[in-house]
């Protein structure tokens, strides 16, 4: 099993699910280039680069699969691109409140300005000479609340932030275009899409009868791209694996069991009830789950 974290998060984001999942199957939570214990990668960075890095790392480690791939937030885009590289080896996708691919005219119009300003500021602080002490307010949002020496070392590395900026700038450009080109490639890959209620509730609703959150509908469309796909909304913040680890564990274990038994996975349980805003009668693109980026967290060593 492969765990692909969201933007700004390291392999430590999975700490609540790895112990239980490792009793069922081999688990690999890794750090993308420029994150945690991984060296920075060459620029520019987009989804295809990230999927290729993972593919090459597995090849170098002689890990051949089969795989169930779990992707959170922007990691859902990268998980799908990796699955498109290895559709025969990937036996299931579990996408947790995944970012939805969409085209933007350019970084200036992608709606990610708040995150970009933070990362740009962190880059500037990391390049300052002399470097400010970690207690300096300039580091706000650049370090975990309880940063250790390794966290500080990574934050002081300018390439850490350059990698993140490049990843961010490509998200609704090259990366989304790459994911759009995978349509039809993943039809035979069973897919679970789990939507966070907080994200769904922040989106407009559409329809006169039984109005639905735009975000849920977009996630249903991702699930519908697989002949064995289903979607479920659960009561949770965007950080589903932190708030509802039992939901993630159950979904992954069913996907693994189905693969081993050579059967289709059971459909996800019915969605949990959420309260959403006023109904709208027109379509909007929905919220961007990156509006509240995954907080920087310390990363443990690779857990194969």
C-alpha atoms as a PDB file:
ATOM      1  CA  UNK A   1       0.000   0.000   0.000  1.00  0.00           C
ATOM      2  CA  UNK A   2       1.214   3.477  -0.913  1.00  0.00           C
ATOM      3  CA  UNK A   3       0.231   6.627   1.001  1.00  0.00           C
ATOM      4  CA  UNK A   4       0.413   9.962  -0.868  1.00  0.00           C
ATOM      5  CA  UNK A   5       0.033  12.988   1.421  1.00  0.00           C
ATOM      6  CA  UNK A   6      -1.550  16.319   0.570  1.00  0.00           C
ATOM      7  CA  UNK A   7       0.191  19.572  -0.281  1.00  0.00           C
ATOM      8  CA  UNK A   8       2.597  20.715   2.429  1.00  0.00           C
ATOM      9  CA  UNK A   9       2.285  17.460   4.396  1.00  0.00           C
ATOM     10  CA  UNK A  10       4.835  14.710   4.941  1.00  0.00           C
ATOM     11  CA  UNK A  11       4.544  11.006   5.626  1.00  0.00           C
ATOM     12  CA  UNK A  12       3.785  11.862   9.260  1.00  0.00           C
ATOM     13  CA  UNK A  13       0.268  12.849   8.169  1.00  0.00           C
ATOM     14  CA  UNK A  14      -0.560   9.113   8.180  1.00  0.00           C
ATOM     15  CA  UNK A  15       0.545   8.386  11.735  1.00  0.00           C
ATOM     16  CA  UNK A  16      -3.004   7.549  12.908  1.00  0.00           C
ATOM     17  CA  UNK A  17      -3.646   4.932  10.224  1.00  0.00           C
ATOM     18  CA  UNK A  18      -0.274   3.263   9.570  1.00  0.00           C
ATOM     19  CA  UNK A  19      -0.145   1.083  12.736  1.00  0.00           C
ATOM     20  CA  UNK A  20      -3.523  -0.568  12.029  1.00  0.00           C
ATOM     21  CA  UNK A  21      -3.004  -0.864   8.278  1.00  0.00           C
ATOM     22  CA  UNK A  22       0.430  -2.454   8.747  1.00  0.00           C
ATOM     23  CA  UNK A  23      -1.291  -5.403  10.421  1.00  0.00           C
ATOM     24  CA  UNK A  24      -3.123  -6.084   7.157  1.00  0.00           C
ATOM     25  CA  UNK A  25      -0.540  -5.327   4.489  1.00  0.00           C
ATOM     26  CA  UNK A  26       2.825  -3.742   3.831  1.00  0.00           C
ATOM     27  CA  UNK A  27       2.546   0.039   4.090  1.00  0.00           C
ATOM     28  CA  UNK A  28       4.750   2.693   2.495  1.00  0.00           C
ATOM     29  CA  UNK A  29       4.287   6.317   3.561  1.00  0.00           C
ATOM     30  CA  UNK A  30       6.896   8.412   1.781  1.00  0.00           C
ATOM     31  CA  UNK A  31       8.045  12.015   1.477  1.00  0.00           C
ATOM     32  CA  UNK A  32       7.884  13.678  -1.928  1.00  0.00           C
ATOM     33  CA  UNK A  33      10.955  15.473  -3.253  1.00  0.00           C
ATOM     34  CA  UNK A  34      11.682  18.475  -1.067  1.00  0.00           C
ATOM     35  CA  UNK A  35       9.600  17.172   1.845  1.00  0.00           C
ATOM     36  CA  UNK A  36      10.634  15.572   5.130  1.00  0.00           C
ATOM     37  CA  UNK A  37      13.588  13.249   4.665  1.00  0.00           C
ATOM     38  CA  UNK A  38      13.621  13.445   0.847  1.00  0.00           C
ATOM     39  CA  UNK A  39      16.065  15.570  -1.119  1.00  0.00           C
ATOM     40  CA  UNK A  40      14.672  18.413  -3.257  1.00  0.00           C
ATOM     41  CA  UNK A  41      13.851  17.528  -6.839  1.00  0.00           C
ATOM     42  CA  UNK A  42      14.613  19.377 -10.074  1.00  0.00           C
ATOM     43  CA  UNK A  43      12.318  22.204 -11.117  1.00  0.00           C
ATOM     44  CA  UNK A  44       9.682  22.569 -12.359  1.00  0.00           C
ATOM     45  CA  UNK A  45       7.626  20.109 -10.301  1.00  0.00           C
ATOM     46  CA  UNK A  46       4.254  18.856 -11.531  1.00  0.00           C
ATOM     47  CA  UNK A  47       2.101  15.779 -11.035  1.00  0.00           C
ATOM     48  CA  UNK A  48       3.828  13.765 -13.746  1.00  0.00           C
ATOM     49  CA  UNK A  49       7.220  14.425 -12.118  1.00  0.00           C
ATOM     50  CA  UNK A  50       5.877  13.340  -8.730  1.00  0.00           C
ATOM     51  CA  UNK A  51       4.314  10.147 -10.103  1.00  0.00           C
ATOM     52  CA  UNK A  52       7.505   9.339 -11.998  1.00  0.00           C
ATOM     53  CA  UNK A  53       9.619   9.881  -8.858  1.00  0.00           C
ATOM     54  CA  UNK A  54       7.465   7.412  -6.944  1.00  0.00           C
ATOM     55  CA  UNK A  55       7.587   4.913  -9.798  1.00  0.00           C
ATOM     56  CA  UNK A  56      11.386   5.121  -9.982  1.00  0.00           C
ATOM     57  CA  UNK A  57      11.777   4.894  -6.190  1.00  0.00           C
ATOM     58  CA  UNK A  58       9.707   1.709  -6.094  1.00  0.00           C
ATOM     59  CA  UNK A  59      11.685   0.269  -8.983  1.00  0.00           C
ATOM     60  CA  UNK A  60      14.974   1.067  -7.239  1.00  0.00           C
ATOM     61  CA  UNK A  61      13.680  -0.561  -4.049  1.00  0.00           C
ATOM     62  CA  UNK A  62      12.465  -3.575  -6.073  1.00  0.00           C
ATOM     63  CA  UNK A  63       8.933  -3.165  -4.781  1.00  0.00           C
ATOM     64  CA  UNK A  64       6.707  -4.491  -7.540  1.00  0.00           C
ATOM     65  CA  UNK A  65       3.214  -4.446  -6.065  1.00  0.00           C
ATOM     66  CA  UNK A  66       0.353  -4.991  -6.478  1.00  0.00           C
ATOM     67  CA  UNK A  67      -0.629  -1.704  -4.870  1.00  0.00           C
ATOM     68  CA  UNK A  68      -3.578   0.002  -3.256  1.00  0.00           C
ATOM     69  CA  UNK A  69      -2.828   3.739  -3.428  1.00  0.00           C
ATOM     70  CA  UNK A  70      -4.286   6.191  -0.910  1.00  0.00           C
ATOM     71  CA  UNK A  71      -4.149   9.892  -1.772  1.00  0.00           C
ATOM     72  CA  UNK A  72      -5.222  12.850   0.338  1.00  0.00           C
ATOM     73  CA  UNK A  73      -6.111  16.296  -1.044  1.00  0.00           C
ATOM     74  CA  UNK A  74      -3.622  17.177  -3.815  1.00  0.00           C
ATOM     75  CA  UNK A  75      -2.152  13.733  -3.224  1.00  0.00           C
ATOM     76  CA  UNK A  76      -5.318  12.399  -4.829  1.00  0.00           C
ATOM     77  CA  UNK A  77      -4.195  13.902  -8.145  1.00  0.00           C
ATOM     78  CA  UNK A  78      -0.752  12.346  -7.801  1.00  0.00           C
ATOM     79  CA  UNK A  79      -2.225   8.974  -6.803  1.00  0.00           C
ATOM     80  CA  UNK A  80      -4.326   8.942  -9.974  1.00  0.00           C
ATOM     81  CA  UNK A  81      -1.326   9.839 -12.128  1.00  0.00           C
ATOM     82  CA  UNK A  82       0.725   7.056 -10.558  1.00  0.00           C
ATOM     83  CA  UNK A  83      -2.142   4.616 -11.159  1.00  0.00           C
ATOM     84  CA  UNK A  84      -2.219   5.700 -14.802  1.00  0.00           C
ATOM     85  CA  UNK A  85       1.487   4.812 -15.061  1.00  0.00           C
ATOM     86  CA  UNK A  86       0.862   1.359 -13.582  1.00  0.00           C
ATOM     87  CA  UNK A  87      -2.804   0.487 -14.204  1.00  0.00           C
ATOM     88  CA  UNK A  88      -2.100  -3.254 -14.064  1.00  0.00           C
ATOM     89  CA  UNK A  89      -0.234  -3.032 -10.748  1.00  0.00           C
ATOM     90  CA  UNK A  90      -2.655  -0.650  -8.973  1.00  0.00           C
ATOM     91  CA  UNK A  91      -5.565  -2.716  -7.672  1.00  0.00           C
ATOM     92  CA  UNK A  92      -7.414   0.097  -5.974  1.00  0.00           C
ATOM     93  CA  UNK A  93      -7.505   3.832  -5.229  1.00  0.00           C
ATOM     94  CA  UNK A  94      -8.743   5.391  -1.987  1.00  0.00           C
ATOM     95  CA  UNK A  95      -9.004   9.170  -2.388  1.00  0.00           C
ATOM     96  CA  UNK A  96      -9.528  11.268   0.741  1.00  0.00           C
ATOM     97  CA  UNK A  97     -11.216  14.631   0.099  1.00  0.00           C
ATOM     98  CA  UNK A  98      -9.209  14.811  -3.136  1.00  0.00           C
ATOM     99  CA  UNK A  99      -8.432  17.984  -5.008  1.00  0.00           C
ATOM    100  CA  UNK A 100     -10.463  18.082  -8.221  1.00  0.00           C
ATOM    101  CA  UNK A 101      -8.599  18.773 -11.435  1.00  0.00           C
ATOM    102  CA  UNK A 102      -9.532  22.009 -13.157  1.00  0.00           C
ATOM    103  CA  UNK A 103      -7.989  24.404 -15.625  1.00  0.00           C
ATOM    104  CA  UNK A 104      -6.964  27.897 -14.563  1.00  0.00           C
ATOM    105  CA  UNK A 105      -5.637  30.622 -16.847  1.00  0.00           C
ATOM    106  CA  UNK A 106      -2.443  30.664 -14.811  1.00  0.00           C
ATOM    107  CA  UNK A 107      -1.151  30.859 -11.251  1.00  0.00           C
ATOM    108  CA  UNK A 108      -2.591  34.364 -10.936  1.00  0.00           C
ATOM    109  CA  UNK A 109      -6.094  32.982 -11.387  1.00  0.00           C
ATOM    110  CA  UNK A 110      -5.927  29.616  -9.638  1.00  0.00           C
ATOM    111  CA  UNK A 111      -7.370  30.743  -6.298  1.00  0.00           C
ATOM    112  CA  UNK A 112      -4.291  29.648  -4.341  1.00  0.00           C
ATOM    113  CA  UNK A 113      -2.891  33.112  -3.647  1.00  0.00           C
ATOM    114  CA  UNK A 114      -3.086  32.790   0.139  1.00  0.00           C
ATOM    115  CA  UNK A 115      -1.045  29.609   0.194  1.00  0.00           C
ATOM    116  CA  UNK A 116       1.368  31.002  -2.374  1.00  0.00           C
ATOM    117  CA  UNK A 117       1.994  34.102  -0.252  1.00  0.00           C
ATOM    118  CA  UNK A 118       2.788  31.949   2.776  1.00  0.00           C
ATOM    119  CA  UNK A 119       5.189  29.678   0.888  1.00  0.00           C
ATOM    120  CA  UNK A 120       6.836  32.678  -0.809  1.00  0.00           C
ATOM    121  CA  UNK A 121       7.331  34.304   2.593  1.00  0.00           C
ATOM    122  CA  UNK A 122       8.833  31.076   3.972  1.00  0.00           C
ATOM    123  CA  UNK A 123      11.200  30.992   0.997  1.00  0.00           C
ATOM    124  CA  UNK A 124      12.289  34.567   1.686  1.00  0.00           C
ATOM    125  CA  UNK A 125      12.921  33.810   5.370  1.00  0.00           C
ATOM    126  CA  UNK A 126      14.923  30.692   4.481  1.00  0.00           C
ATOM    127  CA  UNK A 127      17.124  32.805   2.186  1.00  0.00           C
ATOM    128  CA  UNK A 128      17.710  35.558   4.767  1.00  0.00           C
ATOM    129  CA  UNK A 129      21.251  36.075   6.015  1.00  0.00           C
ATOM    130  CA  UNK A 130      21.687  35.873   8.880  1.00  0.00           C
ATOM    131  CA  UNK A 131      18.858  33.424   9.348  1.00  0.00           C
ATOM    132  CA  UNK A 132      16.287  34.594  11.938  1.00  0.00           C
ATOM    133  CA  UNK A 133      15.908  32.460  15.079  1.00  0.00           C
ATOM    134  CA  UNK A 134      13.037  29.990  14.920  1.00  0.00           C
ATOM    135  CA  UNK A 135      11.090  31.984  17.516  1.00  0.00           C
ATOM    136  CA  UNK A 136      10.991  34.957  15.148  1.00  0.00           C
ATOM    137  CA  UNK A 137       7.429  35.685  13.892  1.00  0.00           C
ATOM    138  CA  UNK A 138       8.766  35.575  10.334  1.00  0.00           C
ATOM    139  CA  UNK A 139       8.725  31.767  10.630  1.00  0.00           C
ATOM    140  CA  UNK A 140       4.991  31.709  11.415  1.00  0.00           C
ATOM    141  CA  UNK A 141       3.321  29.033   9.280  1.00  0.00           C
ATOM    142  CA  UNK A 142       6.680  27.649   8.133  1.00  0.00           C
ATOM    143  CA  UNK A 143       7.339  25.303  11.042  1.00  0.00           C
ATOM    144  CA  UNK A 144       5.268  22.766  12.989  1.00  0.00           C
ATOM    145  CA  UNK A 145       4.066  23.844  16.418  1.00  0.00           C
ATOM    146  CA  UNK A 146       6.571  21.462  18.044  1.00  0.00           C
ATOM    147  CA  UNK A 147       9.425  21.608  15.574  1.00  0.00           C
ATOM    148  CA  UNK A 148      12.446  19.394  16.129  1.00  0.00           C
ATOM    149  CA  UNK A 149      15.959  19.943  14.794  1.00  0.00           C
ATOM    150  CA  UNK A 150      15.171  18.146  11.539  1.00  0.00           C
ATOM    151  CA  UNK A 151      12.057  20.275  10.923  1.00  0.00           C
ATOM    152  CA  UNK A 152      14.161  23.410  11.371  1.00  0.00           C
ATOM    153  CA  UNK A 153      16.841  22.071   9.022  1.00  0.00           C
ATOM    154  CA  UNK A 154      14.246  21.389   6.308  1.00  0.00           C
ATOM    155  CA  UNK A 155      12.535  24.783   6.767  1.00  0.00           C
ATOM    156  CA  UNK A 156      15.859  26.610   6.456  1.00  0.00           C
ATOM    157  CA  UNK A 157      16.484  24.932   3.089  1.00  0.00           C
ATOM    158  CA  UNK A 158      15.295  27.288   0.294  1.00  0.00           C
ATOM    159  CA  UNK A 159      14.799  24.381  -2.111  1.00  0.00           C
ATOM    160  CA  UNK A 160      12.098  23.046   0.222  1.00  0.00           C
ATOM    161  CA  UNK A 161       9.954  26.075  -0.544  1.00  0.00           C
ATOM    162  CA  UNK A 162      10.952  26.266  -4.207  1.00  0.00           C
ATOM    163  CA  UNK A 163       9.719  22.703  -4.674  1.00  0.00           C
ATOM    164  CA  UNK A 164       6.429  23.549  -2.967  1.00  0.00           C
ATOM    165  CA  UNK A 165       5.933  26.708  -5.020  1.00  0.00           C
ATOM    166  CA  UNK A 166       6.523  24.841  -8.258  1.00  0.00           C
ATOM    167  CA  UNK A 167       4.141  22.066  -7.200  1.00  0.00           C
ATOM    168  CA  UNK A 168       1.519  24.656  -6.290  1.00  0.00           C
ATOM    169  CA  UNK A 169       1.908  26.679  -9.501  1.00  0.00           C
ATOM    170  CA  UNK A 170       1.360  23.583 -11.656  1.00  0.00           C
ATOM    171  CA  UNK A 171      -1.621  22.230  -9.725  1.00  0.00           C
ATOM    172  CA  UNK A 172      -4.379  23.769 -11.830  1.00  0.00           C
ATOM    173  CA  UNK A 173      -2.229  23.942 -14.944  1.00  0.00           C
ATOM    174  CA  UNK A 174       0.040  21.107 -16.072  1.00  0.00           C
ATOM    175  CA  UNK A 175      -0.955  18.702 -13.290  1.00  0.00           C
ATOM    176  CA  UNK A 176      -4.671  19.082 -13.953  1.00  0.00           C
ATOM    177  CA  UNK A 177      -4.105  18.679 -17.695  1.00  0.00           C
ATOM    178  CA  UNK A 178      -2.182  15.473 -17.019  1.00  0.00           C
ATOM    179  CA  UNK A 179      -4.979  14.092 -14.842  1.00  0.00           C
ATOM    180  CA  UNK A 180      -7.605  15.012 -17.420  1.00  0.00           C
ATOM    181  CA  UNK A 181      -5.703  12.948 -19.980  1.00  0.00           C
ATOM    182  CA  UNK A 182      -6.034   9.844 -17.765  1.00  0.00           C
ATOM    183  CA  UNK A 183      -9.799   9.659 -18.309  1.00  0.00           C
ATOM    184  CA  UNK A 184     -10.611   6.189 -19.553  1.00  0.00           C
ATOM    185  CA  UNK A 185      -7.256   4.798 -18.398  1.00  0.00           C
ATOM    186  CA  UNK A 186      -8.444   4.118 -14.839  1.00  0.00           C
ATOM    187  CA  UNK A 187     -11.835   2.646 -15.690  1.00  0.00           C
ATOM    188  CA  UNK A 188     -10.856  -0.792 -14.424  1.00  0.00           C
ATOM    189  CA  UNK A 189      -9.175   0.478 -11.221  1.00  0.00           C
ATOM    190  CA  UNK A 190     -11.623   0.253  -8.266  1.00  0.00           C
ATOM    191  CA  UNK A 191     -11.938   3.689  -6.693  1.00  0.00           C
ATOM    192  CA  UNK A 192     -13.256   4.924  -3.354  1.00  0.00           C
ATOM    193  CA  UNK A 193     -13.745   8.684  -2.916  1.00  0.00           C
ATOM    194  CA  UNK A 194     -14.329   9.893   0.642  1.00  0.00           C
ATOM    195  CA  UNK A 195     -15.549  13.477   1.006  1.00  0.00           C
ATOM    196  CA  UNK A 196     -15.079  15.564   4.164  1.00  0.00           C
ATOM    197  CA  UNK A 197     -18.308  17.109   5.432  1.00  0.00           C
ATOM    198  CA  UNK A 198     -16.604  20.423   6.250  1.00  0.00           C
ATOM    199  CA  UNK A 199     -15.416  20.761   2.660  1.00  0.00           C
ATOM    200  CA  UNK A 200     -18.778  19.727   1.234  1.00  0.00           C
ATOM    201  CA  UNK A 201     -20.642  22.143   3.499  1.00  0.00           C
ATOM    202  CA  UNK A 202     -18.481  25.059   2.365  1.00  0.00           C
ATOM    203  CA  UNK A 203     -19.481  24.531  -1.276  1.00  0.00           C
ATOM    204  CA  UNK A 204     -22.633  25.827  -2.959  1.00  0.00           C
ATOM    205  CA  UNK A 205     -25.530  23.427  -3.486  1.00  0.00           C
ATOM    206  CA  UNK A 206     -27.223  22.846  -6.830  1.00  0.00           C
ATOM    207  CA  UNK A 207     -30.661  21.542  -7.738  1.00  0.00           C
ATOM    208  CA  UNK A 208     -34.272  22.356  -6.818  1.00  0.00           C
ATOM    209  CA  UNK A 209     -35.141  18.965  -5.337  1.00  0.00           C
ATOM    210  CA  UNK A 210     -32.690  17.244  -3.029  1.00  0.00           C
ATOM    211  CA  UNK A 211     -29.973  19.892  -3.623  1.00  0.00           C
ATOM    212  CA  UNK A 212     -26.440  18.561  -3.444  1.00  0.00           C
ATOM    213  CA  UNK A 213     -23.087  20.056  -2.586  1.00  0.00           C
ATOM    214  CA  UNK A 214     -21.057  20.823  -5.698  1.00  0.00           C
ATOM    215  CA  UNK A 215     -18.049  19.251  -3.995  1.00  0.00           C
ATOM    216  CA  UNK A 216     -19.862  15.951  -3.407  1.00  0.00           C
ATOM    217  CA  UNK A 217     -21.040  15.899  -7.023  1.00  0.00           C
ATOM    218  CA  UNK A 218     -17.507  16.459  -8.286  1.00  0.00           C
ATOM    219  CA  UNK A 219     -16.240  13.616  -6.108  1.00  0.00           C
ATOM    220  CA  UNK A 220     -19.049  11.388  -7.362  1.00  0.00           C
ATOM    221  CA  UNK A 221     -17.855  12.091 -10.898  1.00  0.00           C
ATOM    222  CA  UNK A 222     -14.353  10.890  -9.991  1.00  0.00           C
ATOM    223  CA  UNK A 223     -15.799   7.693  -8.525  1.00  0.00           C
ATOM    224  CA  UNK A 224     -17.982   7.214 -11.609  1.00  0.00           C
ATOM    225  CA  UNK A 225     -14.819   7.101 -13.727  1.00  0.00           C
ATOM    226  CA  UNK A 226     -14.321   3.554 -12.438  1.00  0.00           C
ATOM    227  CA  UNK A 227     -16.671   0.636 -13.080  1.00  0.00           C
ATOM    228  CA  UNK A 228     -16.157  -0.223  -9.401  1.00  0.00           C
ATOM    229  CA  UNK A 229     -16.262   3.270  -7.912  1.00  0.00           C
ATOM    230  CA  UNK A 230     -18.256   4.734  -5.029  1.00  0.00           C
ATOM    231  CA  UNK A 231     -18.336   7.923  -2.971  1.00  0.00           C
ATOM    232  CA  UNK A 232     -19.122   8.585   0.694  1.00  0.00           C
ATOM    233  CA  UNK A 233     -19.348  11.808   2.704  1.00  0.00           C
ATOM    234  CA  UNK A 234     -18.216  11.544   6.333  1.00  0.00           C
ATOM    235  CA  UNK A 235     -18.310  13.994   9.221  1.00  0.00           C
ATOM    236  CA  UNK A 236     -14.786  15.355   9.233  1.00  0.00           C
ATOM    237  CA  UNK A 237     -12.542  18.291   8.514  1.00  0.00           C
ATOM    238  CA  UNK A 238     -10.369  18.159   5.408  1.00  0.00           C
ATOM    239  CA  UNK A 239      -7.895  16.038   7.425  1.00  0.00           C
ATOM    240  CA  UNK A 240      -9.944  12.857   7.155  1.00  0.00           C
ATOM    241  CA  UNK A 241      -7.127  10.495   8.149  1.00  0.00           C
ATOM    242  CA  UNK A 242      -6.630  12.496  11.355  1.00  0.00           C
ATOM    243  CA  UNK A 243     -10.296  13.046  12.291  1.00  0.00           C
ATOM    244  CA  UNK A 244     -11.713   9.732  11.086  1.00  0.00           C
ATOM    245  CA  UNK A 245      -8.890   7.182  10.911  1.00  0.00           C
ATOM    246  CA  UNK A 246     -11.351   4.329  11.394  1.00  0.00           C
ATOM    247  CA  UNK A 247     -13.138   5.282   8.160  1.00  0.00           C
ATOM    248  CA  UNK A 248      -9.877   5.315   6.220  1.00  0.00           C
ATOM    249  CA  UNK A 249      -8.730   2.019   7.733  1.00  0.00           C
ATOM    250  CA  UNK A 250     -12.035   0.298   6.924  1.00  0.00           C
ATOM    251  CA  UNK A 251     -11.997   1.547   3.316  1.00  0.00           C
ATOM    252  CA  UNK A 252      -8.414   0.481   2.701  1.00  0.00           C
ATOM    253  CA  UNK A 253      -8.853  -2.909   4.341  1.00  0.00           C
ATOM    254  CA  UNK A 254     -11.899  -3.628   2.160  1.00  0.00           C
ATOM    255  CA  UNK A 255     -10.005  -2.584  -0.959  1.00  0.00           C
ATOM    256  CA  UNK A 256      -7.086  -4.864  -0.007  1.00  0.00           C
ATOM    257  CA  UNK A 257      -9.388  -7.780   0.831  1.00  0.00           C
ATOM    258  CA  UNK A 258     -11.266  -7.413  -2.448  1.00  0.00           C
ATOM    259  CA  UNK A 259      -8.027  -7.373  -4.429  1.00  0.00           C
ATOM    260  CA  UNK A 260      -6.739 -10.495  -2.701  1.00  0.00           C
ATOM    261  CA  UNK A 261     -10.040 -12.284  -3.272  1.00  0.00           C
ATOM    262  CA  UNK A 262     -10.250 -11.233  -6.913  1.00  0.00           C
ATOM    263  CA  UNK A 263     -13.614  -9.526  -6.455  1.00  0.00           C
ATOM    264  CA  UNK A 264     -15.011  -6.009  -6.718  1.00  0.00           C
ATOM    265  CA  UNK A 265     -14.884  -3.999  -3.474  1.00  0.00           C
ATOM    266  CA  UNK A 266     -18.161  -3.431  -1.679  1.00  0.00           C
ATOM    267  CA  UNK A 267     -19.732  -0.020  -2.170  1.00  0.00           C
ATOM    268  CA  UNK A 268     -18.918   2.515   0.489  1.00  0.00           C
ATOM    269  CA  UNK A 269     -21.561   2.941   3.215  1.00  0.00           C
ATOM    270  CA  UNK A 270     -24.204   5.663   2.791  1.00  0.00           C
ATOM    271  CA  UNK A 271     -23.023   9.216   3.343  1.00  0.00           C
ATOM    272  CA  UNK A 272     -23.341  10.716   6.787  1.00  0.00           C
ATOM    273  CA  UNK A 273     -25.745  13.653   7.111  1.00  0.00           C
ATOM    274  CA  UNK A 274     -24.249  17.105   6.760  1.00  0.00           C
ATOM    275  CA  UNK A 275     -25.645  20.609   6.873  1.00  0.00           C
ATOM    276  CA  UNK A 276     -24.835  22.772   3.850  1.00  0.00           C
ATOM    277  CA  UNK A 277     -25.505  26.342   2.846  1.00  0.00           C
ATOM    278  CA  UNK A 278     -28.359  27.785   0.764  1.00  0.00           C
ATOM    279  CA  UNK A 279     -29.275  26.037  -2.469  1.00  0.00           C
ATOM    280  CA  UNK A 280     -28.079  27.538  -5.739  1.00  0.00           C
ATOM    281  CA  UNK A 281     -29.546  26.867  -9.159  1.00  0.00           C
ATOM    282  CA  UNK A 282     -26.315  27.147 -11.098  1.00  0.00           C
ATOM    283  CA  UNK A 283     -23.002  25.295 -11.170  1.00  0.00           C
ATOM    284  CA  UNK A 284     -19.882  26.623  -9.503  1.00  0.00           C
ATOM    285  CA  UNK A 285     -16.436  25.032  -9.452  1.00  0.00           C
ATOM    286  CA  UNK A 286     -16.617  24.255  -5.737  1.00  0.00           C
ATOM    287  CA  UNK A 287     -14.133  25.007  -2.964  1.00  0.00           C
ATOM    288  CA  UNK A 288     -10.469  24.359  -3.175  1.00  0.00           C
ATOM    289  CA  UNK A 289      -9.419  21.974  -0.396  1.00  0.00           C
ATOM    290  CA  UNK A 290      -6.025  23.624  -0.400  1.00  0.00           C
ATOM    291  CA  UNK A 291      -7.519  26.784   1.100  1.00  0.00           C
ATOM    292  CA  UNK A 292      -6.588  25.335   4.489  1.00  0.00           C
ATOM    293  CA  UNK A 293      -3.266  23.666   3.662  1.00  0.00           C
ATOM    294  CA  UNK A 294      -2.074  20.645   5.557  1.00  0.00           C
ATOM    295  CA  UNK A 295       0.054  21.968   8.433  1.00  0.00           C
ATOM    296  CA  UNK A 296       3.769  21.179   8.329  1.00  0.00           C
ATOM    297  CA  UNK A 297       4.383  18.165  10.565  1.00  0.00           C
ATOM    298  CA  UNK A 298       7.556  16.294  11.505  1.00  0.00           C
ATOM    299  CA  UNK A 299       8.236  13.310   9.298  1.00  0.00           C
ATOM    300  CA  UNK A 300       9.278   9.854  10.506  1.00  0.00           C
ATOM    301  CA  UNK A 301      11.586   7.632   8.457  1.00  0.00           C
ATOM    302  CA  UNK A 302      10.083   5.698   5.561  1.00  0.00           C
ATOM    303  CA  UNK A 303       7.752   3.036   6.895  1.00  0.00           C
ATOM    304  CA  UNK A 304       7.763   0.237   4.285  1.00  0.00           C
END
